[in-house]
Protein backbone atom coordinates (compact mmCIF):
# COMPACT_ATOMS: atom_id res chain seq x y z
CA UNK A 1 8.26 63.90 94.94
CA UNK A 2 10.60 62.69 97.22
CA UNK A 3 13.74 61.34 96.00
CA UNK A 4 16.00 58.61 97.48
CA UNK A 5 19.07 59.32 97.63
CA UNK A 6 21.56 56.42 96.74
CA UNK A 7 25.08 56.13 98.33
CA UNK A 8 27.42 53.92 96.69
CA UNK A 9 30.45 52.91 97.92
CA UNK A 10 33.79 50.50 96.35
CA UNK A 11 33.84 47.16 98.07
CA UNK A 12 36.47 44.54 97.80
CA UNK A 13 35.81 42.54 94.49
CA UNK A 14 34.11 44.44 92.89
CA UNK A 15 34.33 45.00 88.88
CA UNK A 16 33.93 48.47 87.61
CA UNK A 17 34.56 50.85 85.04
CA UNK A 18 37.52 53.39 85.29
CA UNK A 19 34.42 56.40 85.10
CA UNK A 20 32.15 54.39 87.88
CA UNK A 21 35.67 53.28 90.13
CA UNK A 22 36.42 57.38 90.44
CA UNK A 23 32.78 57.62 91.68
CA UNK A 24 32.69 54.69 94.13
CA UNK A 25 36.29 55.78 95.19
CA UNK A 26 34.92 59.58 96.24
CA UNK A 27 31.98 58.60 97.99
CA UNK A 28 30.41 60.23 95.39
CA UNK A 29 26.67 60.70 96.31
CA UNK A 30 23.62 60.54 93.62
CA UNK A 31 20.05 61.94 93.98
CA UNK A 32 17.44 60.50 91.84
CA UNK A 33 13.67 60.56 91.78
CA UNK A 34 12.03 57.22 91.71
CA UNK A 35 10.82 58.52 88.06
CA UNK A 36 14.41 58.63 87.18
CA UNK A 37 15.57 56.02 88.12
CA UNK A 38 13.48 53.55 86.96
CA UNK A 39 11.90 54.62 83.87
CA UNK A 40 13.05 56.34 80.55
CA UNK A 41 12.24 59.93 80.05
CA UNK A 42 10.77 61.78 76.76
CA UNK A 43 9.27 65.16 75.65
CA UNK A 44 5.82 65.32 75.94
CA UNK A 45 4.18 65.38 73.12
CA UNK A 46 2.16 68.78 73.15
CA UNK A 47 1.76 70.64 70.12
CA UNK A 48 1.73 74.22 69.93
CA UNK A 49 -0.60 76.39 67.72
CA UNK A 50 0.72 79.25 65.88
CA UNK A 51 1.74 82.63 68.07
CA UNK A 52 -0.09 85.97 68.05
CA UNK A 53 2.86 87.98 68.87
CA UNK A 54 6.21 87.80 70.10
CA UNK A 55 7.44 89.08 73.67
CA UNK A 56 6.34 90.56 76.54
CA UNK A 57 4.28 94.05 76.50
CA UNK A 58 6.65 96.28 78.99
CA UNK A 59 3.90 98.42 80.05
CA UNK A 60 1.66 95.48 81.83
CA UNK A 61 1.17 97.29 85.36
CA UNK A 62 0.43 94.05 87.22
CA UNK A 63 2.37 92.89 90.29
CA UNK A 64 4.22 89.83 90.77
CA UNK A 65 4.77 89.00 86.85
CA UNK A 66 7.48 86.51 86.21
CA UNK A 67 9.86 87.75 83.78
CA UNK A 68 9.59 86.26 79.75
CA UNK A 69 12.31 83.33 79.13
CA UNK A 70 13.30 85.16 76.11
CA UNK A 71 13.40 81.89 74.34
CA UNK A 72 11.09 78.89 73.56
CA UNK A 73 10.36 76.63 76.79
CA UNK A 74 12.34 73.63 77.06
CA UNK A 75 10.78 70.15 76.34
CA UNK A 76 8.91 68.76 79.41
CA UNK A 77 10.59 65.36 80.19
CA UNK A 78 7.85 62.44 81.33
CA UNK A 79 8.17 58.89 81.21
CA UNK A 80 7.76 57.03 78.07
CA UNK A 81 4.48 55.90 77.32
CA UNK A 82 3.31 58.93 78.78
CA UNK A 83 0.30 60.77 76.09
CA UNK A 84 -2.58 63.42 75.97
CA UNK A 85 -5.61 62.03 78.22
CA UNK A 86 -7.76 64.63 78.15
CA UNK A 87 -8.64 65.02 74.24
CA UNK A 88 -13.06 64.74 74.43
CA UNK A 89 -12.95 64.52 78.01
CA UNK A 90 -16.40 65.95 79.66
CA UNK A 91 -16.03 69.53 80.93
CA UNK A 92 -18.13 71.14 84.10
CA UNK A 93 -17.84 75.13 84.60
CA UNK A 94 -19.18 76.88 87.14
CA UNK A 95 -20.62 79.01 84.90
CA UNK A 96 -23.16 76.91 82.95
CA UNK A 97 -23.79 79.73 80.23
CA UNK A 98 -20.70 80.77 78.57
CA UNK A 99 -21.29 84.82 77.03
CA UNK A 100 -19.33 83.19 74.34
CA UNK A 101 -18.70 79.50 73.11
CA UNK A 102 -19.52 75.77 74.40
CA UNK A 103 -17.67 74.17 77.47
CA UNK A 104 -16.91 71.28 75.39
CA UNK A 105 -14.42 73.57 73.92
CA UNK A 106 -12.19 73.16 76.29
CA UNK A 107 -10.86 69.61 75.45
CA UNK A 108 -11.95 69.81 71.57
CA UNK A 109 -8.29 69.72 70.89
CA UNK A 110 -8.42 73.32 69.15
CA UNK A 111 -5.44 75.78 70.39
CA UNK A 112 -5.84 78.53 68.05
CA UNK A 113 -6.36 81.90 69.55
CA UNK A 114 -8.65 83.05 66.66
CA UNK A 115 -12.23 83.85 67.24
CA UNK A 116 -14.49 80.76 67.86
CA UNK A 117 -11.52 79.16 69.48
CA UNK A 118 -12.18 80.13 73.26
CA UNK A 119 -15.01 80.24 75.50
CA UNK A 120 -15.90 83.08 77.05
CA UNK A 121 -16.76 83.05 81.04
CA UNK A 122 -18.88 85.54 83.68
CA UNK A 123 -16.45 87.80 86.00
CA UNK A 124 -15.29 86.61 89.33
CA UNK A 125 -14.08 83.74 90.08
CA UNK A 126 -14.95 80.94 87.84
CA UNK A 127 -13.46 77.31 87.52
CA UNK A 128 -13.74 75.02 84.63
CA UNK A 129 -13.47 70.76 85.44
CA UNK A 130 -11.73 67.72 83.60
CA UNK A 131 -13.26 64.69 84.22
CA UNK A 132 -10.25 61.87 83.10
CA UNK A 133 -13.08 59.39 82.96
CA UNK A 134 -10.91 57.04 85.50
CA UNK A 135 -7.95 57.41 87.97
CA UNK A 136 -4.52 58.82 86.03
CA UNK A 137 -0.88 59.11 86.91
CA UNK A 138 -0.69 62.77 85.43
CA UNK A 139 2.69 64.23 84.88
CA UNK A 140 1.54 67.79 83.10
CA UNK A 141 -1.15 70.32 83.00
CA UNK A 142 -1.14 72.63 80.16
CA UNK A 143 -3.86 75.64 79.97
CA UNK A 144 -4.15 78.17 77.48
CA UNK A 145 -7.04 80.89 78.45
CA UNK A 146 -6.18 83.60 75.78
CA UNK A 147 -3.01 84.10 74.13
CA UNK A 148 -4.32 86.55 71.20
CA UNK A 149 -3.49 89.36 72.76
CA UNK A 150 -1.06 89.52 75.74
CA UNK A 151 -2.99 89.08 78.84
CA UNK A 152 -2.73 87.95 82.52
CA UNK A 153 -5.18 86.50 84.26
CA UNK A 154 -5.54 86.52 88.15
CA UNK A 155 -6.12 84.27 90.86
CA UNK A 156 -4.58 81.21 88.68
CA UNK A 157 -5.38 77.83 90.77
CA UNK A 158 -4.80 74.16 89.30
CA UNK A 159 -6.22 71.38 92.13
CA UNK A 160 -6.40 67.74 91.62
CA UNK A 161 -8.81 65.21 93.44
CA UNK A 162 -10.88 61.97 93.06
CA UNK A 163 -14.08 63.26 93.32
CA UNK A 164 -16.16 65.70 91.13
CA UNK A 165 -16.54 67.63 94.00
CA UNK A 166 -13.50 68.22 95.05
CA UNK A 167 -13.68 66.94 98.77
CA UNK A 168 -11.35 63.83 98.77
CA UNK A 169 -7.96 63.83 98.41
CA UNK A 170 -7.26 67.57 96.97
CA UNK A 171 -4.04 68.82 95.76
CA UNK A 172 -3.09 71.89 94.64
CA UNK A 173 -0.14 71.90 92.11
CA UNK A 174 -0.63 75.72 90.88
CA UNK A 175 -1.55 78.93 92.88
CA UNK A 176 -0.66 82.50 92.08
CA UNK A 177 -3.64 84.04 94.19
CA UNK A 178 -1.10 85.54 96.49
CA UNK A 179 -3.66 87.43 98.69
CA UNK A 180 -6.05 84.71 99.06
CA UNK A 181 -8.23 86.38 96.86
CA UNK A 182 -10.15 82.95 96.08
CA UNK A 183 -10.02 81.55 99.53
CA UNK A 184 -8.55 78.09 98.31
CA UNK A 185 -4.98 79.68 99.81
CA UNK A 186 -2.32 82.07 99.65
CA UNK A 187 -0.34 81.10 96.86
CA UNK A 188 3.45 81.14 95.83
CA UNK A 189 3.37 81.14 92.23
CA UNK A 190 3.76 84.33 89.92
CA UNK A 191 1.30 86.00 87.30
CA UNK A 192 2.44 85.18 84.13
CA UNK A 193 2.10 86.49 80.09
CA UNK A 194 -0.67 84.39 78.36
CA UNK A 195 1.18 82.99 75.18
CA UNK A 196 1.01 80.20 72.42
CA UNK A 197 2.68 78.13 75.03
CA UNK A 198 0.15 77.74 77.55
CA UNK A 199 0.85 76.94 80.80
CA UNK A 200 2.60 74.41 81.31
CA UNK A 201 2.42 72.59 85.29
CA UNK A 202 4.70 69.98 86.39
CA UNK A 203 1.68 67.48 88.26
CA UNK A 204 4.82 64.91 89.29
CA UNK A 205 2.48 61.86 88.36
CA UNK A 206 0.45 62.48 90.75
CA UNK A 207 -2.44 60.02 90.85
CA UNK A 208 -5.98 61.72 89.97
CA UNK A 209 -9.39 61.36 87.95
CA UNK A 210 -10.74 65.01 88.18
CA UNK A 211 -8.47 68.57 87.36
CA UNK A 212 -10.07 71.74 87.67
CA UNK A 213 -9.04 74.83 87.09
CA UNK A 214 -9.31 78.37 89.06
CA UNK A 215 -9.61 82.20 87.81
CA UNK A 216 -10.68 85.51 88.50
CA UNK A 217 -10.61 87.73 85.91
CA UNK A 218 -7.62 89.33 83.47
CA UNK A 219 -6.04 92.73 83.16
CA UNK A 220 -8.31 93.81 80.53
CA UNK A 221 -11.69 93.37 82.23
CA UNK A 222 -13.60 91.21 84.37
CA UNK A 223 -14.19 88.25 82.53
CA UNK A 224 -12.65 85.19 81.92
CA UNK A 225 -11.41 83.22 79.20
CA UNK A 226 -10.38 79.87 78.03
CA UNK A 227 -8.93 78.73 74.88
CA UNK A 228 -8.18 74.61 75.99
CA UNK A 229 -6.99 72.59 78.76
CA UNK A 230 -4.21 69.44 78.16
CA UNK A 231 -3.63 66.91 80.81
CA UNK A 232 -0.63 64.54 80.02
CA UNK A 233 -0.56 61.23 81.83
CA UNK A 234 -1.08 57.52 81.86
CA UNK A 235 -3.96 55.03 83.59
CA UNK A 236 -3.07 54.79 87.31
CA UNK A 237 -1.78 51.22 88.43
């Protein structure tokens, strides 16, 4: 997101508080994003499922694996009025006949890790697409692939677009496919262990109607899984 750099200097006749005057006298530069400058930020209404395990296993032999935080993730802030906009929305998938579960489960609100809460897709590169019904300003995408046991899913890519075929205004907001196995471009993000917190991706208020999520198997087997996708945003202005 582009930022606006604001320079504030003291001028004759200005009426200032003592604290602000000190900043002005020093010519302090303040850098703020458009959202921070104009809107109040509050935590998004994200509800997490019950965790099924604690910590990160030390025997996962996965390259480019990010280190665990060792503490709960900090609340994600977005403008007041940003809400969950994906619940109950239509979902399409490259694998139209999952071996377990139904595609519609990806936006049904059930984020628990137990049997009956996840969808199992076939091996290889697969994708799932959420149709938000109209263009929205998207601030966060949270995805749970499978968190009953510790797993790492490969070639995770999340994209936004204006059309369902992903030919118009396609933007990638997350990509940990470091060697471009998926053919979507080499990514710079790291592999991560699935937990009950889900993977939260900052979409920075990007405008889009469609959200697509890719994966390409995991460290336990070649299959792909998805528990839930949550998108937080508001109608585009």
